[in-house]
Protein backbone atom coordinates (compact mmCIF):
# COMPACT_ATOMS: atom_id res chain seq x y z
CA MET A 1 -65.13 31.87 -59.81
CA THR A 2 -64.95 30.63 -63.37
CA GLN A 3 -64.86 34.11 -64.78
CA ASN A 4 -62.07 35.13 -62.36
CA GLY A 5 -59.94 32.08 -63.32
CA ASN A 6 -60.12 32.48 -67.12
CA PRO A 7 -58.07 35.70 -67.32
CA GLU A 8 -55.28 34.19 -65.19
CA LYS A 9 -55.15 31.12 -67.42
CA SER A 10 -55.15 33.29 -70.51
CA THR A 11 -52.27 35.41 -69.14
CA THR A 12 -50.25 32.31 -68.29
CA ASN A 13 -50.70 30.89 -71.78
CA ALA A 14 -49.62 34.20 -73.30
CA SER A 15 -46.47 34.21 -71.14
CA GLU A 16 -45.66 30.64 -72.03
CA PHE A 17 -46.18 31.41 -75.71
CA THR A 18 -43.82 34.38 -75.54
CA VAL A 19 -41.04 32.38 -73.87
CA GLU A 20 -41.42 29.55 -76.34
CA GLU A 21 -41.33 31.99 -79.20
CA LEU A 22 -38.14 33.60 -77.82
CA ILE A 23 -36.45 30.21 -77.49
CA GLU A 24 -37.42 29.32 -81.04
CA LYS A 25 -36.06 32.57 -82.40
CA THR A 26 -32.81 32.05 -80.52
CA LYS A 27 -32.43 28.61 -82.04
CA SER A 28 -33.19 30.10 -85.41
CA LEU A 29 -30.40 32.64 -84.98
CA LEU A 30 -27.93 29.95 -83.97
CA ARG A 31 -28.86 27.90 -87.04
CA TYR A 32 -28.43 30.99 -89.16
CA LEU A 33 -24.94 31.59 -87.76
CA LYS A 34 -24.01 27.96 -88.30
CA LYS A 35 -25.26 28.15 -91.86
CA HIS A 36 -23.04 31.18 -92.56
CA ARG A 37 -19.95 29.94 -90.69
CA ILE A 38 -18.01 29.83 -93.96
CA HIS A 39 -18.61 33.56 -94.43
CA THR A 40 -17.40 34.19 -90.87
CA LEU A 41 -14.30 32.07 -91.49
CA ILE A 42 -13.49 33.91 -94.72
CA PHE A 43 -14.04 37.22 -92.96
CA GLY A 44 -11.70 36.08 -90.21
CA ILE A 45 -8.99 35.03 -92.66
CA ILE A 46 -9.17 38.42 -94.40
CA PHE A 47 -8.84 40.34 -91.14
CA SER A 48 -6.06 38.04 -89.94
CA GLY A 49 -4.20 38.93 -93.12
CA LEU A 50 -4.78 42.60 -92.41
CA GLY A 51 -3.47 42.13 -88.87
CA LEU A 52 -0.34 40.44 -90.25
CA GLY A 53 0.12 43.26 -92.75
CA ILE A 54 -0.16 45.91 -90.03
CA ALA A 55 2.36 44.00 -87.89
CA LEU A 56 4.82 43.91 -90.80
CA LEU A 57 4.37 47.53 -91.88
CA LYS A 58 4.09 49.24 -88.50
CA LYS A 59 7.41 50.66 -87.36
CA PRO A 60 8.61 49.77 -83.86
CA GLN A 61 8.28 52.31 -81.06
CA TYR A 62 11.28 53.15 -78.86
CA THR A 63 10.85 54.34 -75.29
CA ALA A 64 13.35 56.47 -73.37
CA HIS A 65 12.97 56.82 -69.60
CA MET A 66 14.65 59.34 -67.33
CA THR A 67 14.15 59.64 -63.60
CA PHE A 68 15.55 62.48 -61.51
CA ALA A 69 15.01 64.13 -58.15
CA VAL A 70 14.91 67.85 -57.46
CA HIS A 71 16.17 68.90 -54.02
CA ASP A 72 14.92 72.43 -53.61
CA GLU A 73 15.04 73.46 -49.94
CA SER A 74 14.37 76.93 -48.60
CA GLY A 75 17.47 78.56 -47.16
CA SER A 76 15.76 80.89 -44.67
CA LYS A 77 15.99 78.60 -41.62
CA SER A 78 19.53 77.36 -42.10
CA LEU A 79 20.79 80.84 -42.91
CA GLY A 80 19.32 82.30 -39.74
CA GLY A 81 22.11 80.83 -37.62
CA LEU A 82 24.77 82.01 -40.04
CA ALA A 83 23.29 85.51 -40.04
CA SER A 84 23.49 85.60 -36.26
CA GLN A 85 27.14 84.51 -36.33
CA LEU A 86 27.92 87.26 -38.84
CA GLY A 87 26.09 89.83 -36.75
CA LEU A 88 23.29 90.25 -39.31
CA GLY A 89 19.54 89.88 -39.12
CA GLY A 90 18.08 86.55 -40.15
CA GLY A 91 15.76 88.01 -42.79
CA GLY A 92 14.38 85.13 -44.79
CA GLY A 93 12.69 85.74 -48.10
CA GLY A 94 9.18 84.91 -49.18
CA ARG A 95 8.14 81.58 -50.64
CA GLU A 96 9.41 80.91 -54.12
CA ILE A 97 6.99 80.09 -56.89
CA TRP A 98 9.72 77.94 -58.42
CA SER A 99 9.78 74.59 -56.69
CA GLY A 100 10.36 70.96 -57.57
CA PHE A 101 6.63 70.42 -57.86
CA ASN A 102 6.45 72.81 -60.83
CA ILE A 103 9.01 70.90 -62.87
CA GLY A 104 6.39 68.75 -64.67
CA PRO A 105 4.47 71.58 -66.39
CA PHE A 106 7.77 73.35 -67.00
CA LEU A 107 9.20 70.37 -68.90
CA THR A 108 6.13 70.17 -71.14
CA SER A 109 6.05 73.91 -71.86
CA ARG A 110 6.56 75.15 -75.41
CA LEU A 111 9.56 77.18 -74.24
CA MET A 112 11.48 74.06 -73.20
CA ILE A 113 10.33 71.76 -76.01
CA GLN A 114 11.13 74.34 -78.70
CA LYS A 115 14.49 75.13 -77.09
CA THR A 116 15.26 71.40 -77.06
CA LEU A 117 14.31 70.96 -80.72
CA PHE A 118 16.89 73.60 -81.59
CA THR A 119 19.57 71.73 -79.62
CA THR A 120 22.34 70.07 -81.63
CA ALA A 121 22.84 66.33 -81.04
CA GLN A 122 25.15 63.66 -82.42
CA PHE A 123 23.71 61.10 -84.86
CA ASP A 124 25.18 58.38 -87.07
CA ASP A 125 25.48 60.77 -90.01
CA GLY A 126 26.97 63.59 -87.92
CA PRO A 127 25.70 66.41 -85.70
CA ASP A 128 22.34 67.97 -86.49
CA LEU A 129 19.50 69.87 -84.86
CA LEU A 130 17.00 67.63 -83.10
CA LEU A 131 14.33 69.54 -85.03
CA ASN A 132 15.75 68.51 -88.41
CA ARG A 133 16.01 64.90 -87.24
CA TYR A 134 12.39 65.03 -86.05
CA ILE A 135 11.28 66.31 -89.46
CA LYS A 136 13.13 63.54 -91.30
CA SER A 137 12.14 60.66 -89.02
CA ASN A 138 8.46 61.58 -89.32
CA GLY A 139 8.60 62.06 -93.11
CA TYR A 140 7.58 65.71 -93.09
CA ASP A 141 10.38 66.67 -95.47
CA LYS A 142 9.02 64.37 -98.19
CA GLY A 143 5.57 65.93 -98.00
CA TRP A 144 6.98 69.46 -97.95
CA LYS A 145 8.81 68.89 -101.26
CA LYS A 146 5.41 68.68 -102.98
CA ASP A 147 4.15 71.92 -101.42
CA LYS A 148 5.32 75.20 -102.96
CA LYS A 149 4.90 77.09 -99.67
CA LEU A 150 6.83 74.57 -97.58
CA LYS A 151 9.49 73.11 -99.86
CA ASN A 152 11.99 75.92 -99.14
CA ILE A 153 11.50 75.97 -95.35
CA LYS A 154 14.67 75.25 -93.38
CA PHE A 155 15.44 75.49 -89.69
CA THR A 156 18.91 76.61 -88.65
CA SER A 157 18.34 78.84 -85.62
CA GLU A 158 15.65 79.77 -83.12
CA GLU A 159 16.17 83.45 -83.97
CA ASN A 160 14.07 85.40 -86.52
CA LEU A 161 11.51 82.68 -87.21
CA THR A 162 8.90 83.33 -89.89
CA ARG A 163 5.16 83.01 -89.38
CA ALA A 164 5.16 79.68 -91.25
CA GLN A 165 8.01 78.34 -89.13
CA ASP A 166 6.25 79.39 -85.91
CA SER A 167 3.11 77.62 -87.11
CA ILE A 168 5.02 74.41 -87.87
CA LEU A 169 6.78 74.52 -84.51
CA GLY A 170 3.40 74.93 -82.81
CA ILE A 171 2.14 71.75 -84.49
CA PHE A 172 5.29 69.87 -83.52
CA TYR A 173 4.98 71.09 -79.93
CA HIS A 174 1.40 69.81 -79.57
CA ASN A 175 2.30 66.48 -81.18
CA ILE A 176 5.22 65.96 -78.81
CA SER A 177 3.53 67.15 -75.62
CA ASP A 178 0.20 65.40 -76.28
CA LYS A 179 1.27 62.14 -77.94
CA ASN A 180 4.92 61.37 -77.21
CA LEU A 181 5.93 62.94 -73.90
CA THR A 182 4.76 61.88 -70.43
CA ILE A 183 5.76 63.49 -67.12
CA GLU A 184 4.80 61.94 -63.78
CA ARG A 185 5.74 62.03 -60.09
CA TYR A 186 5.81 59.07 -57.73
CA ASP A 187 3.32 60.84 -55.49
CA LYS A 188 2.10 64.36 -54.70
CA LYS A 189 4.72 64.99 -52.02
CA SER A 190 7.65 63.42 -53.87
CA THR A 191 10.22 65.45 -55.80
CA ILE A 192 11.16 62.42 -57.92
CA VAL A 193 10.10 63.03 -61.52
CA LEU A 194 9.63 60.33 -64.15
CA LEU A 195 9.94 61.36 -67.80
CA GLU A 196 9.06 59.10 -70.73
CA TYR A 197 9.28 59.75 -74.46
CA ILE A 198 8.13 57.38 -77.23
CA SER A 199 8.94 57.67 -80.95
CA LYS A 200 9.98 55.67 -84.01
CA ASP A 201 13.56 57.01 -84.04
CA GLU A 202 15.77 55.44 -81.38
CA LEU A 203 18.61 57.99 -81.46
CA PHE A 204 16.22 60.94 -81.56
CA THR A 205 14.26 59.53 -78.62
CA LYS A 206 17.38 59.18 -76.46
CA ASN A 207 18.91 62.54 -77.43
CA PHE A 208 15.64 64.43 -77.08
CA VAL A 209 15.03 63.20 -73.53
CA GLU A 210 18.56 64.03 -72.41
CA ALA A 211 18.52 67.47 -74.06
CA LEU A 212 15.08 68.32 -72.69
CA VAL A 213 16.03 67.55 -69.10
CA ASN A 214 19.43 69.29 -69.36
CA ASN A 215 17.92 72.44 -70.90
CA ALA A 216 15.10 72.53 -68.38
CA MET A 217 17.37 72.00 -65.37
CA ASN A 218 19.88 74.64 -66.51
CA TYR A 219 17.13 77.16 -67.11
CA TYR A 220 15.45 76.26 -63.82
CA VAL A 221 18.64 76.72 -61.81
CA GLU A 222 19.39 79.99 -63.61
CA VAL A 223 15.96 81.44 -62.85
CA LYS A 224 15.89 80.07 -59.32
CA THR A 225 19.24 81.66 -58.40
CA LYS A 226 19.02 84.79 -60.55
CA LYS A 227 18.09 87.16 -57.73
CA ALA A 228 20.69 85.78 -55.32
CA ALA A 229 23.38 85.81 -58.02
CA LEU A 230 22.69 89.47 -58.83
CA GLY A 231 22.95 90.26 -55.12
CA VAL A 232 26.37 88.60 -54.91
CA VAL A 233 27.61 90.48 -57.99
CA ASN A 234 26.44 93.85 -56.67
CA LEU A 235 27.91 93.27 -53.21
CA GLN A 236 31.20 92.12 -54.71
CA LYS A 237 31.38 95.35 -56.72
CA GLN A 238 30.78 97.37 -53.53
CA VAL A 239 33.49 95.44 -51.68
CA ASP A 240 35.97 96.04 -54.50
CA SER A 241 35.07 99.72 -54.63
CA ILE A 242 35.52 100.23 -50.88
CA LYS A 243 38.81 98.32 -50.95
CA ARG A 244 40.13 100.71 -53.59
CA LYS A 245 38.99 103.72 -51.55
CA LEU A 246 40.56 102.23 -48.40
CA ASP A 247 43.84 101.64 -50.22
CA ASN A 248 43.83 105.21 -51.51
CA ALA A 249 43.05 106.56 -48.03
CA MET A 250 45.89 104.53 -46.47
CA SER A 251 48.26 105.74 -49.18
CA SER A 252 47.22 109.32 -48.46
CA VAL A 253 47.91 108.84 -44.74
CA ALA A 254 51.38 107.53 -45.52
CA TYR A 255 52.01 110.42 -47.92
CA SER A 256 50.87 113.01 -45.37
CA THR A 257 53.10 111.47 -42.70
CA ASP A 258 56.08 111.41 -45.02
CA ALA A 259 55.43 115.02 -46.01
CA THR A 260 55.73 116.20 -42.40
CA PRO A 261 57.84 113.63 -40.55
CA ASN A 262 58.56 115.96 -37.60
CA PRO A 263 55.66 118.44 -37.44
CA ASN A 264 56.02 121.54 -35.31
CA PRO A 265 53.83 121.05 -32.18
CA MET A 266 52.97 124.71 -32.32
CA LYS A 267 51.46 124.31 -35.83
CA GLN A 268 48.46 121.97 -35.45
CA TYR A 269 47.23 122.59 -38.97
CA LEU A 270 50.04 120.39 -40.23
CA LYS A 271 48.32 117.38 -38.63
CA VAL A 272 44.87 118.07 -40.15
CA SER A 273 45.49 116.38 -43.48
CA SER A 274 46.90 113.23 -41.87
CA GLN A 275 44.10 113.03 -39.30
CA ARG A 276 41.47 113.51 -42.01
CA ARG A 277 42.93 110.59 -43.92
CA MET A 278 42.96 108.47 -40.78
CA VAL A 279 39.24 109.15 -40.32
CA ASP A 280 38.65 108.03 -43.92
CA VAL A 281 40.65 104.86 -43.28
CA GLU A 282 38.59 104.07 -40.19
CA LEU A 283 35.27 104.70 -41.97
CA TYR A 284 36.23 102.63 -44.99
CA SER A 285 37.49 99.84 -42.75
CA ARG A 286 34.18 99.64 -40.89
CA ALA A 287 32.20 99.78 -44.12
CA LEU A 288 34.37 97.02 -45.61
CA VAL A 289 33.73 94.77 -42.61
CA GLU A 290 29.96 95.25 -42.79
CA ILE A 291 29.67 94.81 -46.55
CA SER A 292 31.97 91.76 -46.41
CA LYS A 293 29.54 90.21 -43.92
CA SER A 294 26.68 90.91 -46.31
CA LEU A 295 28.67 89.41 -49.18
CA GLU A 296 29.34 86.20 -47.27
CA MET A 297 25.66 86.02 -46.37
CA ALA A 298 24.67 86.50 -50.00
CA LYS A 299 27.08 83.79 -51.15
CA ALA A 300 25.68 81.38 -48.57
CA SER A 301 22.16 82.26 -49.72
CA LEU A 302 23.13 81.63 -53.36
CA ILE A 303 24.51 78.20 -52.50
CA GLN A 304 21.42 77.37 -50.46
CA ASP A 305 19.03 78.54 -53.18
CA THR A 306 20.74 76.52 -55.91
CA PRO A 307 18.62 73.38 -56.51
CA LEU A 308 20.39 70.04 -56.46
CA ILE A 309 19.46 67.71 -59.33
CA ASP A 310 20.07 63.97 -58.86
CA PHE A 311 19.70 61.76 -61.94
CA LEU A 312 18.48 58.35 -60.85
CA ASP A 313 17.94 56.77 -64.27
CA LYS A 314 19.06 57.73 -67.78
CA PRO A 315 18.25 56.21 -71.21
CA ILE A 316 20.83 53.68 -72.37
CA LEU A 317 21.09 52.20 -75.86
CA PRO A 318 19.56 49.95 -77.01
CA LEU A 319 16.25 51.43 -75.86
CA PRO A 320 13.26 49.26 -74.95
CA ILE A 321 11.33 48.52 -78.14
CA GLU A 322 7.61 47.98 -78.59
CA HIS A 323 6.23 46.45 -81.77
CA LEU A 324 3.20 44.44 -82.88
CA ASN A 325 4.09 40.73 -83.01
CA LYS A 326 3.11 38.90 -86.23
CA ILE A 327 1.24 36.11 -84.44
CA LYS A 328 -0.42 38.63 -82.16
CA GLY A 329 -1.51 40.64 -85.20
CA ILE A 330 -3.03 37.55 -86.83
CA ILE A 331 -4.88 36.54 -83.66
CA ILE A 332 -6.21 40.03 -82.97
CA GLY A 333 -7.32 40.39 -86.59
CA GLY A 334 -9.09 37.00 -86.54
CA ILE A 335 -10.88 37.64 -83.23
CA LEU A 336 -11.94 41.11 -84.31
CA ALA A 337 -13.22 39.76 -87.62
CA GLY A 338 -15.20 37.02 -85.90
CA ILE A 339 -16.86 39.46 -83.51
CA ILE A 340 -17.74 41.92 -86.29
CA SER A 341 -19.02 39.15 -88.56
CA ILE A 342 -21.28 37.64 -85.88
CA ILE A 343 -22.67 41.06 -84.91
CA LEU A 344 -23.49 41.90 -88.53
CA LEU A 345 -25.13 38.51 -89.20
CA LEU A 346 -27.16 38.67 -86.00
CA PHE A 347 -28.25 42.22 -86.72
CA LYS A 348 -29.34 41.27 -90.21
CA GLN A 349 -31.28 38.22 -89.02
CA VAL A 350 -32.94 40.00 -86.10
CA ILE A 351 -34.23 42.70 -88.41
CA LYS A 352 -35.52 40.02 -90.79
CA ILE A 353 -37.31 38.10 -88.02
CA TYR A 354 -39.01 41.08 -86.44
CA THR A 355 -40.09 42.57 -89.74
CA GLU A 356 -41.91 39.43 -90.87
């Protein structure tokens, strides 16, 4: 009994000793921190000063928002009734890969961003390419003056770009698409798109957002309606061609009639030319009616396929500004310094205690 009890008592004493030792070491650490509170305070003052300096030196950020809705409905159903009225089949086309849901990736594509950078906008010192304004506002031009390979680079047109210019534009594209530009939708089924751009240049921010959306929407509508527009043009050419042929045929009928106003009934060959022209008139008239129906159908299809863009919100000067407040900078710097200082002191003391 005695032998069985001794180990339990020994284990209990060891546990109690360990807890007491832990409490003592904790008190020792607290005393150590209290002893070095002046160092922590000095550290905090230094970091508070750094926070104030950052708040003073950091340029404000301007944010431009634009919200728009893309109404892009398929015309196959609504055109079916019209086709029936015109006496045509209701042949609807296949599903388009271009839809309002693809606008987000399209806006952030290099094609659209680069096209927008080469768009001319109005600034306080006159009109200029958005690209040149972007270079100046980010200080790239100052750094390029010190580089022999870059100091003579100038951007005037999107045509005939050099390898170096393409490389620079690639860097700008990734900076804009990854750091400055944000595209969102309200939800997966919504066609309402929210675009946000943040930069240090207020006028560039506003002009870039407006130019990007305008360029993208114009290109989108052009591509979306390209096939239907070509169909209308081709059908219109056919209508004009048949009209000319019909006019010529009718003129020929009149000429033939005038040539033989009182034909001899015994000479039927005199009527052949006039009758032949009448057949041409009838054929061209029927063809004109059918192609005119097709033309009206194509025009209706073009109107139906043209997306409708509704702008719900546009950037208005002055833009919302975000900057680091001086007091906030001091507080953040002080808190950060205190946390870092305490961690370093504790780490140093813990190592000292456990190595003794």
